[in-house]
Amino acid sequence: MALSVKAANAMPSSLVLHLKPPAAAAAKELRTSRGRSRRGCKTCRLRRVKCDESRPVCQNCVKAQRVCDYHAIRRFVAVDFQEPQLPPAQMALCISPGTLQERRAFDLFQNSTSIELSGLFAPDFWQQSVLQLGQGSKCLRHAIVAISSIHERFAEGTDMSCQIIRVAKDPQYMFAVKQYNAAIRELYTALANNDCAPEVMLSCCMLFICFESFRGSPSTAMMHLQSGLQAIQAWKKGELSTKMKLSDPTTRQILGLASRLGPQLTNIDMLDIEDFGATEVDIIQQSGDIFEGLANLSIYDPGDRFNSFEEARDEFNHIVNMELCYFYQINPLYTPIAHDPDKLPNLLNETYFRFNNWGSAFEELCADQSRKLTSEDIATRLFLQVQYKFTIILINCIFMPNTKGFSSEEIDAYFLSWTPQFRECLELIEALISLSQKSIKKNSTRRNSTFHPEVGIIAPLFLLGLGARDPYVRRRTMEILKSEKRREGTWDSETCWKVLDFIVTNEKHIVLGYLNQRYKLYEHFVFVGEGEGS
């Protein structure tokens, strides 16, 4: 995986909660319309090329062998949808229409892929809702088959960085892509005929995001996420004729998943964006807009206490999206839709407030002795402990706010003072891995996870190893990354281990302590994965 030096240097030098909006941000010019056609496909618009607007697939995408994405919000405004009739859960286990290969992939999704996608958390969406919705939807069935097929390729464990499976001659990968394209075509047809319920469309979006993330195309995944968020906003404004309600379990599952899929796409800044036909300005702009949508996607009103660990998880992820919204929108490359000098300071204050409230409410939830915990509760509690501790380290240590006037020795001493917190976070990650391994031993249908759509342990391990000054933490994070062999959205353990190993190996020749120069390290990342044996 190659890294873009330009993209790295464009990012701010500290994390959101410690940065004040630069004065220059107030003087940003507003976005103005250029009078361009809005009827072209999203792929061409992202690549900034003229689309011939032929449907269902434009010729530019055909020639470039790219996914032609036409589904957009205008298809969802003021139309009547037939509500999907969900069959009983047991029916999803016996109905699998299609060719023999499609039925095999559908069965694999039910028996293996859905279990891995759920991970240690509640299985409601992946093992129940999406299968039930898929029984009455061709587009969703094709999407299920596509992601099941690419999962089967991943399960072979040959390559976590997608370099091998993207080879055109790989029949399993080509079958998955064929099913993915069929899902997009069927979705377009259903939307054109006003015959697609929002639950089905949004579920397709979630599967499309996962598919593109796993095959190493985060830019296209972001387009799907943006389309999904536009539909969600239209639904919240009452512009969709649908009975879908926030109180419905399936609706909450879909919204929660959409909210959690955003953060794993932040690794797009570590990719060579030129490969995706977009400039760094495009990526920053799109990311800022997406996380603004996610920051507004609160599933429930925050209070002083949580009724479940699932509620705590939803609220924590919402806070992360608020942080990332701030992080991208203070970037000088981002242009706001409307000028509001109070917007970012207010967002920062609200993020502080909700983060502090979350810590207190979560501590109270964990201390409740009357609660009978399920295996999913135990896993979610441990996962949130990891994320909470890691976020505190991230804010106060890895991305220090201001290093001017301090020597590298002083900064290293500050980092060393945080060693107990680094080790505590690492111990929690090891406990989470141990819990997963115990779950595998108890459940014969569960395998060692190689394939998860959300942020888990890979990003925290990588950043802990990058920021730690303690040799034990460095060495142990590298050992785990090397041995885990898993992919979490756009983050894969193999590439993270290679990058971290290269940095540590060359540490003596790089000014690692001075954090304002940390992006110089990215210049070395371009060699990872490009030579023989990488």
Protein backbone atom coordinates (compact mmCIF):
# COMPACT_ATOMS: atom_id res chain seq x y z
CA MET A 1 0.00 0.00 0.00
CA ALA A 2 1.52 3.31 -1.05
CA LEU A 3 1.05 6.49 0.90
CA SER A 4 0.58 9.98 -0.42
CA VAL A 5 3.09 12.46 0.98
CA LYS A 6 0.93 15.35 -0.24
CA ALA A 7 -2.12 14.03 1.57
CA ALA A 8 -0.15 13.56 4.77
CA ASN A 9 1.34 17.04 4.72
CA ALA A 10 -2.07 18.56 4.09
CA MET A 11 -3.51 17.24 7.37
CA PRO A 12 -3.42 19.37 10.53
CA SER A 13 -0.64 18.62 13.00
CA SER A 14 -2.84 17.86 15.98
CA LEU A 15 -6.08 16.17 16.85
CA VAL A 16 -9.46 17.79 16.91
CA LEU A 17 -10.07 18.25 20.59
CA HIS A 18 -6.93 20.33 21.09
CA LEU A 19 -7.06 22.52 18.02
CA LYS A 20 -8.68 25.89 17.79
CA PRO A 21 -10.12 26.78 14.40
CA PRO A 22 -7.47 28.79 12.52
CA ALA A 23 -8.32 32.42 11.95
CA ALA A 24 -8.01 31.83 8.23
CA ALA A 25 -10.93 29.45 8.38
CA ALA A 26 -13.35 32.31 8.90
CA ALA A 27 -12.26 33.86 5.64
CA LYS A 28 -12.85 30.75 3.53
CA GLU A 29 -14.74 31.35 0.38
CA LEU A 30 -18.14 29.81 0.07
CA ARG A 31 -18.72 27.06 -2.42
CA THR A 32 -20.25 28.37 -5.57
CA SER A 33 -22.11 26.58 -8.31
CA ARG A 34 -20.26 26.14 -11.56
CA GLY A 35 -23.33 25.32 -13.55
CA ARG A 36 -22.22 21.76 -14.25
CA SER A 37 -24.68 19.02 -15.06
CA ARG A 38 -25.86 16.98 -12.09
CA ARG A 39 -27.11 14.11 -14.22
CA GLY A 40 -23.73 12.42 -14.70
CA CYS A 41 -22.68 9.39 -12.72
CA LYS A 42 -20.96 9.89 -9.38
CA THR A 43 -17.83 8.11 -10.52
CA CYS A 44 -17.20 10.62 -13.31
CA ARG A 45 -18.03 13.53 -11.04
CA LEU A 46 -15.50 12.37 -8.46
CA ARG A 47 -12.87 11.89 -11.19
CA ARG A 48 -13.74 15.33 -12.63
CA VAL A 49 -14.32 14.04 -16.12
CA LYS A 50 -17.30 14.74 -18.37
CA CYS A 51 -19.87 11.95 -18.22
CA ASP A 52 -21.80 10.99 -21.36
CA GLU A 53 -24.77 10.26 -19.02
CA SER A 54 -25.66 7.01 -20.82
CA ARG A 55 -27.53 4.55 -18.62
CA PRO A 56 -27.38 2.23 -16.84
CA VAL A 57 -23.59 2.45 -17.33
CA CYS A 58 -21.69 5.35 -18.93
CA GLN A 59 -18.95 4.69 -21.48
CA ASN A 60 -16.22 6.36 -19.39
CA CYS A 61 -16.72 3.78 -16.64
CA VAL A 62 -16.91 0.94 -19.16
CA LYS A 63 -13.57 1.95 -20.71
CA ALA A 64 -11.91 2.53 -17.33
CA GLN A 65 -13.43 -0.67 -15.87
CA ARG A 66 -14.86 1.29 -12.95
CA VAL A 67 -18.14 0.93 -11.10
CA CYS A 68 -20.69 3.32 -12.63
CA ASP A 69 -22.70 4.71 -9.75
CA TYR A 70 -25.94 6.52 -10.61
CA HIS A 71 -28.02 5.97 -7.48
CA ALA A 72 -28.53 9.36 -5.88
CA ILE A 73 -30.87 11.21 -3.60
CA ARG A 74 -33.13 12.57 -6.33
CA ARG A 75 -34.45 9.03 -6.74
CA PHE A 76 -35.82 9.04 -3.22
CA VAL A 77 -37.74 12.30 -3.04
CA ALA A 78 -41.54 12.26 -2.84
CA VAL A 79 -42.17 8.73 -4.13
CA ASP A 80 -44.25 5.90 -2.73
CA PHE A 81 -42.49 2.72 -1.66
CA GLN A 82 -43.92 -0.70 -1.06
CA GLU A 83 -42.91 -1.66 2.45
CA PRO A 84 -40.81 -4.85 2.51
CA GLN A 85 -42.48 -7.83 4.08
CA LEU A 86 -39.89 -9.51 6.26
CA PRO A 87 -40.23 -13.29 6.27
CA PRO A 88 -39.58 -15.16 9.51
CA ALA A 89 -35.89 -15.53 10.37
CA GLN A 90 -36.00 -19.29 9.84
CA MET A 91 -37.17 -18.82 6.25
CA ALA A 92 -33.97 -16.95 5.47
CA LEU A 93 -32.11 -20.14 6.18
CA CYS A 94 -33.83 -22.17 3.50
CA ILE A 95 -34.62 -19.79 0.63
CA SER A 96 -31.68 -19.05 -1.68
CA PRO A 97 -32.71 -18.57 -5.32
CA GLY A 98 -30.28 -18.21 -8.20
CA THR A 99 -27.63 -20.30 -9.91
CA LEU A 100 -25.80 -23.08 -8.11
CA GLN A 101 -22.79 -20.80 -7.51
CA GLU A 102 -25.05 -18.02 -6.21
CA ARG A 103 -26.91 -20.38 -3.89
CA ARG A 104 -23.61 -21.68 -2.58
CA ALA A 105 -22.41 -18.12 -1.88
CA PHE A 106 -25.74 -17.22 -0.27
CA ASP A 107 -25.48 -20.24 2.02
CA LEU A 108 -21.90 -19.30 2.84
CA PHE A 109 -23.09 -15.84 3.89
CA GLN A 110 -25.66 -17.38 6.25
CA ASN A 111 -23.27 -19.87 7.79
CA SER A 112 -19.97 -18.00 7.85
CA THR A 113 -19.75 -14.48 6.41
CA SER A 114 -22.59 -13.02 8.50
CA ILE A 115 -20.97 -14.44 11.65
CA GLU A 116 -17.64 -12.80 10.86
CA LEU A 117 -19.26 -9.50 9.93
CA SER A 118 -21.07 -9.50 13.28
CA GLY A 119 -17.85 -10.23 15.14
CA LEU A 120 -18.38 -10.40 18.88
CA PHE A 121 -21.28 -7.98 18.79
CA ALA A 122 -25.06 -8.41 18.48
CA PRO A 123 -25.81 -10.34 15.27
CA ASP A 124 -29.22 -8.78 14.56
CA PHE A 125 -28.41 -6.99 11.30
CA TRP A 126 -25.95 -9.32 9.57
CA GLN A 127 -27.47 -12.65 10.66
CA GLN A 128 -31.14 -11.70 10.56
CA SER A 129 -32.35 -8.41 9.08
CA VAL A 130 -30.24 -8.32 5.92
CA LEU A 131 -31.12 -11.94 5.11
CA GLN A 132 -34.81 -11.33 5.64
CA LEU A 133 -34.79 -8.18 3.51
CA GLY A 134 -32.80 -10.04 0.86
CA GLN A 135 -35.57 -12.59 0.30
CA GLY A 136 -37.72 -10.04 -1.55
CA SER A 137 -34.96 -8.02 -3.23
CA LYS A 138 -32.83 -9.04 -6.20
CA CYS A 139 -30.34 -6.20 -5.66
CA LEU A 140 -29.77 -7.11 -2.01
CA ARG A 141 -29.42 -10.82 -2.84
CA HIS A 142 -26.73 -10.02 -5.42
CA ALA A 143 -24.97 -7.79 -2.88
CA ILE A 144 -25.06 -10.60 -0.29
CA VAL A 145 -23.58 -13.05 -2.81
CA ALA A 146 -20.89 -10.52 -3.79
CA ILE A 147 -19.64 -9.87 -0.28
CA SER A 148 -19.84 -13.57 0.60
CA SER A 149 -17.69 -14.41 -2.42
CA ILE A 150 -15.01 -11.84 -1.65
CA HIS A 151 -15.06 -13.03 1.96
CA GLU A 152 -14.37 -16.59 0.83
CA ARG A 153 -11.33 -15.32 -1.07
CA PHE A 154 -10.14 -13.46 2.01
CA ALA A 155 -10.64 -16.52 4.20
CA GLU A 156 -7.88 -18.27 2.29
CA GLY A 157 -5.51 -15.88 4.07
CA THR A 158 -3.24 -15.27 1.10
CA ASP A 159 -3.28 -11.48 1.10
CA MET A 160 -4.86 -8.99 3.51
CA SER A 161 -3.93 -5.93 1.44
CA CYS A 162 -6.07 -6.82 -1.61
CA GLN A 163 -3.10 -6.87 -3.98
CA ILE A 164 -3.65 -10.50 -5.04
CA ILE A 165 -7.45 -10.73 -5.10
CA ARG A 166 -7.73 -7.71 -7.42
CA VAL A 167 -5.93 -9.57 -10.19
CA ALA A 168 -8.42 -9.86 -13.05
CA LYS A 169 -7.60 -13.52 -13.66
CA ASP A 170 -8.76 -14.54 -10.20
CA PRO A 171 -12.13 -16.29 -10.90
CA GLN A 172 -13.45 -15.95 -7.35
CA TYR A 173 -12.79 -12.21 -7.33
CA MET A 174 -14.30 -11.76 -10.80
CA PHE A 175 -17.45 -13.62 -9.74
CA ALA A 176 -17.74 -11.31 -6.71
CA VAL A 177 -17.35 -8.21 -8.92
CA LYS A 178 -19.93 -9.55 -11.37
CA GLN A 179 -22.44 -10.00 -8.54
CA TYR A 180 -21.60 -6.55 -7.18
CA ASN A 181 -22.27 -4.93 -10.57
CA ALA A 182 -25.50 -6.93 -10.88
CA ALA A 183 -26.60 -5.60 -7.49
CA ILE A 184 -26.01 -2.00 -8.63
CA ARG A 185 -27.93 -2.60 -11.87
CA GLU A 186 -30.87 -4.17 -10.04
CA LEU A 187 -30.89 -1.34 -7.51
CA TYR A 188 -30.92 1.25 -10.31
CA THR A 189 -33.83 -0.55 -12.00
CA ALA A 190 -35.80 -0.75 -8.75
CA LEU A 191 -35.24 2.95 -8.05
CA ALA A 192 -36.24 3.90 -11.60
CA ASN A 193 -39.50 1.98 -11.12
CA ASN A 194 -40.12 3.46 -7.66
CA ASP A 195 -40.04 -0.10 -6.35
CA CYS A 196 -37.34 0.00 -3.70
CA ALA A 197 -37.99 0.49 0.02
CA PRO A 198 -35.51 2.72 1.88
CA GLU A 199 -34.53 -0.17 4.16
CA VAL A 200 -33.47 -2.22 1.13
CA MET A 201 -31.61 0.66 -0.53
CA LEU A 202 -29.75 1.53 2.68
CA SER A 203 -28.89 -2.12 3.32
CA CYS A 204 -27.46 -2.29 -0.21
CA CYS A 205 -25.42 0.82 0.51
CA MET A 206 -23.99 -0.79 3.64
CA LEU A 207 -22.96 -3.91 1.70
CA PHE A 208 -21.52 -1.82 -1.15
CA ILE A 209 -19.42 0.14 1.35
CA CYS A 210 -18.11 -3.08 2.89
CA PHE A 211 -17.35 -4.56 -0.52
CA GLU A 212 -15.37 -1.54 -1.71
CA SER A 213 -13.53 -1.23 1.59
CA PHE A 214 -12.43 -4.84 1.55
CA ARG A 215 -11.22 -4.72 -2.04
CA GLY A 216 -9.21 -1.56 -1.36
CA SER A 217 -11.35 1.16 -3.00
CA PRO A 218 -12.23 3.51 -0.13
CA SER A 219 -12.97 6.39 -2.50
CA THR A 220 -15.87 4.46 -4.07
CA ALA A 221 -16.95 3.30 -0.62
CA MET A 222 -17.21 6.94 0.41
CA MET A 223 -19.47 7.64 -2.58
CA HIS A 224 -21.83 4.89 -1.46
CA LEU A 225 -21.79 6.21 2.10
CA GLN A 226 -22.56 9.71 0.85
CA SER A 227 -25.54 8.41 -1.15
CA GLY A 228 -26.81 6.56 1.90
CA LEU A 229 -26.48 9.64 4.11
CA GLN A 230 -28.39 11.74 1.58
CA ALA A 231 -31.25 9.24 1.65
CA ILE A 232 -31.19 9.19 5.46
CA GLN A 233 -31.37 12.99 5.59
CA ALA A 234 -34.32 12.96 3.16
CA TRP A 235 -36.08 10.41 5.37
CA LYS A 236 -35.44 12.48 8.53
CA LYS A 237 -36.92 15.55 6.80
CA GLY A 238 -40.04 13.60 5.88
CA GLU A 239 -39.33 13.71 2.15
CA LEU A 240 -39.77 9.95 1.77
CA SER A 241 -43.16 8.27 1.73
CA THR A 242 -42.31 5.37 4.00
CA LYS A 243 -43.35 3.83 7.30
CA MET A 244 -39.72 3.43 8.36
CA LYS A 245 -39.39 4.72 11.95
CA LEU A 246 -36.42 5.29 14.23
CA SER A 247 -38.06 3.04 16.80
CA ASP A 248 -37.95 0.08 14.40
CA PRO A 249 -35.11 -2.33 15.26
CA THR A 250 -34.07 -2.73 11.61
CA THR A 251 -33.92 1.06 11.13
CA ARG A 252 -31.73 1.50 14.21
CA GLN A 253 -29.46 -1.33 13.05
CA ILE A 254 -28.97 0.28 9.64
CA LEU A 255 -28.37 3.78 11.05
CA GLY A 256 -25.97 2.42 13.65
CA LEU A 257 -23.99 0.54 11.01
CA ALA A 258 -23.84 3.59 8.73
CA SER A 259 -22.49 5.61 11.63
CA ARG A 260 -19.82 3.02 12.40
CA LEU A 261 -18.66 2.51 8.81
CA GLY A 262 -17.51 6.13 8.44
CA PRO A 263 -14.45 6.08 10.76
CA GLN A 264 -12.84 3.05 9.08
CA LEU A 265 -12.72 5.06 5.82
CA THR A 266 -10.40 7.65 7.39
CA ASN A 267 -7.51 5.45 6.29
CA ILE A 268 -8.10 6.85 2.79
CA ASP A 269 -5.53 9.54 3.60
CA MET A 270 -2.93 6.79 3.77
CA LEU A 271 -3.61 5.66 0.22
CA ASP A 272 -2.30 7.04 -3.03
CA ILE A 273 -5.37 9.06 -3.94
CA GLU A 274 -4.24 9.44 -7.54
CA ASP A 275 -5.11 5.76 -8.00
CA PHE A 276 -8.74 6.67 -7.42
CA GLY A 277 -8.87 9.55 -9.91
CA ALA A 278 -9.34 12.18 -7.20
CA THR A 279 -7.23 15.04 -5.87
CA GLU A 280 -6.48 15.57 -2.21
CA VAL A 281 -8.86 18.55 -2.26
CA ASP A 282 -11.63 16.19 -3.46
CA ILE A 283 -10.89 13.76 -0.65
CA ILE A 284 -10.80 16.41 2.10
CA GLN A 285 -13.98 18.03 0.76
CA GLN A 286 -15.83 14.74 0.48
CA SER A 287 -14.62 13.58 3.91
CA GLY A 288 -15.66 16.85 5.54
CA ASP A 289 -19.13 16.65 3.99
CA ILE A 290 -19.56 12.97 4.90
CA PHE A 291 -18.57 13.41 8.52
CA GLU A 292 -20.82 16.43 8.84
CA GLY A 293 -23.66 14.13 7.79
CA LEU A 294 -22.50 11.48 10.26
CA ALA A 295 -22.13 14.08 13.02
CA ASN A 296 -25.82 14.90 12.52
CA LEU A 297 -26.80 11.22 12.60
CA SER A 298 -27.51 10.81 16.30
CA ILE A 299 -29.61 7.70 16.89
CA TYR A 300 -30.97 8.85 20.25
CA ASP A 301 -30.81 11.90 22.52
CA PRO A 302 -27.87 11.58 24.94
CA GLY A 303 -28.73 11.48 28.62
CA ASP A 304 -26.91 10.96 31.89
CA ARG A 305 -27.08 7.18 31.71
CA PHE A 306 -27.15 4.28 29.25
CA ASN A 307 -29.74 1.52 29.24
CA SER A 308 -27.45 -0.92 27.41
CA PHE A 309 -23.92 -1.34 26.13
CA GLU A 310 -25.32 -1.06 22.62
CA GLU A 311 -26.55 2.46 23.44
CA ALA A 312 -23.11 3.30 24.82
CA ARG A 313 -21.53 2.02 21.62
CA ASP A 314 -23.85 4.12 19.42
CA GLU A 315 -23.16 7.28 21.41
CA PHE A 316 -19.40 6.74 21.49
CA ASN A 317 -19.30 6.27 17.74
CA HIS A 318 -21.34 9.45 17.29
CA ILE A 319 -18.73 11.34 19.33
CA VAL A 320 -15.97 9.91 17.12
CA ASN A 321 -17.83 11.14 14.03
CA MET A 322 -18.13 14.60 15.59
CA GLU A 323 -14.37 14.61 16.21
CA LEU A 324 -13.64 13.57 12.63
CA CYS A 325 -16.05 16.20 11.29
CA TYR A 326 -14.09 18.85 13.19
CA PHE A 327 -10.78 17.33 12.12
CA TYR A 328 -11.57 17.51 8.39
CA GLN A 329 -13.39 20.84 8.42
CA ILE A 330 -10.55 22.78 10.06
CA ASN A 331 -8.34 21.67 7.18
CA PRO A 332 -7.46 24.65 4.93
CA LEU A 333 -8.40 22.56 1.88
CA TYR A 334 -11.99 22.24 3.06
CA THR A 335 -14.54 24.78 1.78
CA PRO A 336 -17.73 25.11 3.84
CA ILE A 337 -21.14 25.33 2.19
CA ALA A 338 -22.04 28.38 4.28
CA HIS A 339 -19.94 30.69 6.41
CA ASP A 340 -20.65 30.28 10.13
CA PRO A 341 -17.83 31.45 12.46
CA ASP A 342 -19.46 29.79 15.47
CA LYS A 343 -19.96 26.38 13.87
CA LEU A 344 -16.61 24.74 14.62
CA PRO A 345 -16.17 26.20 18.14
CA ASN A 346 -19.69 25.00 19.00
CA LEU A 347 -18.95 21.56 17.55
CA LEU A 348 -15.76 21.36 19.60
CA ASN A 349 -17.55 22.35 22.81
CA GLU A 350 -20.35 19.84 22.22
CA THR A 351 -17.82 17.10 21.51
CA TYR A 352 -16.03 17.86 24.80
CA PHE A 353 -19.33 17.85 26.67
CA ARG A 354 -20.59 14.57 25.22
CA PHE A 355 -17.21 12.84 25.62
CA ASN A 356 -17.05 13.72 29.33
CA ASN A 357 -20.68 12.70 29.85
CA TRP A 358 -20.04 9.43 28.02
CA GLY A 359 -17.17 8.51 30.35
CA SER A 360 -19.30 9.03 33.45
CA ALA A 361 -22.35 7.21 32.06
CA PHE A 362 -20.24 4.29 30.82
CA GLU A 363 -18.53 3.91 34.20
CA GLU A 364 -21.95 3.80 35.87
CA LEU A 365 -23.16 1.20 33.36
CA CYS A 366 -20.14 -1.03 34.01
CA ALA A 367 -20.65 -0.75 37.78
CA ASP A 368 -24.30 -1.88 37.63
CA GLN A 369 -24.19 -5.24 39.43
CA SER A 370 -27.89 -5.94 38.81
CA ARG A 371 -27.41 -6.27 35.06
CA LYS A 372 -27.14 -9.79 33.67
CA LEU A 373 -24.56 -9.58 30.89
CA THR A 374 -24.78 -11.52 27.64
CA SER A 375 -21.65 -12.57 25.72
CA GLU A 376 -22.29 -9.64 23.35
CA ASP A 377 -22.49 -7.25 26.34
CA ILE A 378 -19.15 -8.48 27.69
CA ALA A 379 -17.49 -8.08 24.29
CA THR A 380 -19.00 -4.62 23.69
CA ARG A 381 -17.94 -3.46 27.16
CA LEU A 382 -14.35 -4.56 26.58
CA PHE A 383 -14.30 -3.09 23.07
CA LEU A 384 -15.55 0.28 24.37
CA GLN A 385 -12.94 0.26 27.12
CA VAL A 386 -10.29 -0.16 24.43
CA GLN A 387 -11.72 2.65 22.31
CA TYR A 388 -12.16 5.01 25.26
CA LYS A 389 -8.62 4.54 26.59
CA PHE A 390 -7.19 4.74 23.09
CA THR A 391 -9.06 7.98 22.34
CA ILE A 392 -7.67 9.61 25.47
CA ILE A 393 -4.13 8.62 24.42
CA LEU A 394 -4.79 9.78 20.88
CA ILE A 395 -5.97 13.21 22.01
CA ASN A 396 -3.37 13.90 24.67
CA CYS A 397 -0.31 12.09 23.42
CA ILE A 398 -0.07 10.71 19.90
CA PHE A 399 -1.37 13.93 18.35
CA MET A 400 0.01 16.52 20.74
CA PRO A 401 -1.51 19.96 20.22
CA ASN A 402 1.57 22.15 20.33
CA THR A 403 5.25 21.18 20.27
CA LYS A 404 6.76 24.58 19.54
CA GLY A 405 9.50 25.52 21.96
CA PHE A 406 10.05 21.97 23.15
CA SER A 407 13.06 19.83 22.33
CA SER A 408 12.69 16.28 21.07
CA GLU A 409 14.05 15.06 24.42
CA GLU A 410 11.32 16.93 26.30
CA ILE A 411 8.64 15.52 24.02
CA ASP A 412 10.03 11.99 24.42
CA ALA A 413 9.94 12.44 28.19
CA TYR A 414 6.30 13.47 27.96
CA PHE A 415 5.54 10.36 25.90
CA LEU A 416 7.35 8.13 28.38
CA SER A 417 5.18 9.56 31.18
CA TRP A 418 2.19 8.07 29.32
CA THR A 419 3.68 4.56 29.22
CA PRO A 420 1.26 3.16 31.87
CA GLN A 421 -1.73 4.27 29.74
CA PHE A 422 -0.16 2.77 26.59
CA ARG A 423 0.35 -0.54 28.38
CA GLU A 424 -3.15 -0.52 29.87
CA CYS A 425 -4.68 0.00 26.43
CA LEU A 426 -2.50 -2.76 24.98
CA GLU A 427 -3.59 -5.16 27.75
CA LEU A 428 -7.24 -4.42 26.98
CA ILE A 429 -6.64 -5.19 23.28
CA GLU A 430 -4.99 -8.50 24.22
CA ALA A 431 -7.98 -9.31 26.45
CA LEU A 432 -10.33 -8.60 23.54
CA ILE A 433 -8.32 -10.92 21.28
CA SER A 434 -8.39 -13.60 23.97
CA LEU A 435 -12.16 -13.24 24.29
CA SER A 436 -12.52 -13.68 20.54
CA GLN A 437 -10.40 -16.82 20.60
CA LYS A 438 -12.49 -18.29 23.42
CA SER A 439 -15.62 -17.57 21.41
CA ILE A 440 -14.15 -19.48 18.47
CA LYS A 441 -13.46 -22.52 20.65
CA LYS A 442 -17.03 -22.50 22.03
CA ASN A 443 -18.71 -21.96 18.67
CA SER A 444 -17.76 -24.45 15.98
CA THR A 445 -19.26 -22.22 13.26
CA ARG A 446 -17.09 -19.24 14.19
CA ARG A 447 -13.61 -19.02 12.67
CA ASN A 448 -10.73 -16.72 13.40
CA SER A 449 -11.94 -13.41 11.99
CA THR A 450 -10.12 -12.16 8.91
CA PHE A 451 -12.85 -9.89 7.68
CA HIS A 452 -14.64 -7.13 9.63
CA PRO A 453 -16.23 -3.96 8.21
CA GLU A 454 -15.69 -1.65 11.19
CA VAL A 455 -12.78 -0.16 13.12
CA GLY A 456 -11.56 -2.68 15.66
CA ILE A 457 -8.04 -3.28 16.95
CA ILE A 458 -5.84 -2.72 13.86
CA ALA A 459 -5.91 1.10 13.85
CA PRO A 460 -5.36 1.38 17.63
CA LEU A 461 -2.48 -1.11 17.52
CA PHE A 462 -0.81 0.72 14.65
CA LEU A 463 -1.09 4.15 16.27
CA LEU A 464 -0.07 2.84 19.69
CA GLY A 465 3.04 1.30 18.14
CA LEU A 466 3.75 4.50 16.22
CA GLY A 467 3.44 6.78 19.25
CA ALA A 468 4.90 4.64 22.04
CA ARG A 469 8.41 5.25 23.36
CA ASP A 470 8.29 2.09 25.48
CA PRO A 471 10.18 -0.72 23.64
CA TYR A 472 7.79 -3.37 25.02
CA VAL A 473 4.70 -1.62 23.64
CA ARG A 474 6.39 -1.17 20.27
CA ARG A 475 7.50 -4.78 20.07
CA ARG A 476 4.20 -6.23 21.28
CA THR A 477 2.01 -4.18 18.92
CA MET A 478 4.15 -5.34 16.00
CA GLU A 479 3.91 -8.97 17.12
CA ILE A 480 0.10 -8.79 17.28
CA LEU A 481 -0.21 -7.03 13.92
CA LYS A 482 2.02 -9.64 12.29
CA SER A 483 0.13 -12.59 13.75
CA GLU A 484 -3.49 -11.44 13.49
CA LYS A 485 -3.88 -11.58 9.67
CA ARG A 486 -7.12 -9.62 9.51
CA ARG A 487 -8.67 -6.71 7.69
CA GLU A 488 -10.97 -4.13 9.27
CA GLY A 489 -12.48 -2.01 6.55
CA THR A 490 -9.60 -0.16 4.89
CA TRP A 491 -7.15 -1.14 7.64
CA ASP A 492 -5.23 -4.40 7.21
CA SER A 493 -2.83 -5.83 9.76
CA GLU A 494 -0.20 -6.91 7.23
CA THR A 495 0.36 -3.44 5.76
CA CYS A 496 0.27 -1.77 9.18
CA TRP A 497 2.88 -4.21 10.46
CA LYS A 498 5.15 -3.57 7.45
CA VAL A 499 4.90 0.19 7.87
CA LEU A 500 5.54 0.05 11.60
CA ASP A 501 8.41 -2.39 11.18
CA PHE A 502 10.03 -0.10 8.61
CA ILE A 503 9.71 2.93 10.87
CA VAL A 504 11.10 1.17 13.92
CA THR A 505 13.94 -0.38 11.92
CA ASN A 506 14.97 3.04 10.60
CA GLU A 507 14.19 4.86 13.82
CA LYS A 508 17.80 5.81 14.48
CA HIS A 509 17.94 7.79 11.26
CA ILE A 510 14.60 9.60 11.68
CA VAL A 511 13.64 12.37 14.10
CA LEU A 512 10.78 10.43 15.66
CA GLY A 513 10.42 12.49 18.81
CA TYR A 514 9.53 15.79 17.18
CA LEU A 515 5.86 15.32 16.38
CA ASN A 516 5.53 18.39 14.18
CA GLN A 517 7.76 16.53 11.73
CA ARG A 518 6.01 13.18 12.07
CA TYR A 519 4.60 13.35 8.56
CA LYS A 520 8.14 13.08 7.23
CA LEU A 521 7.77 9.43 8.14
CA TYR A 522 5.14 9.11 5.43
CA GLU A 523 7.82 9.66 2.81
CA HIS A 524 9.17 6.25 3.72
CA PHE A 525 5.80 4.53 3.48
CA VAL A 526 5.76 4.65 -0.32
CA PHE A 527 8.33 1.88 -0.41
CA VAL A 528 6.13 -0.53 1.52
CA GLY A 529 4.56 -3.09 -0.75
CA GLU A 530 6.27 -1.85 -3.91
CA GLY A 531 9.39 -4.01 -3.94
CA GLU A 532 9.92 -7.72 -4.29
CA GLY A 533 8.96 -9.75 -1.30
CA SER A 534 6.94 -6.92 0.21
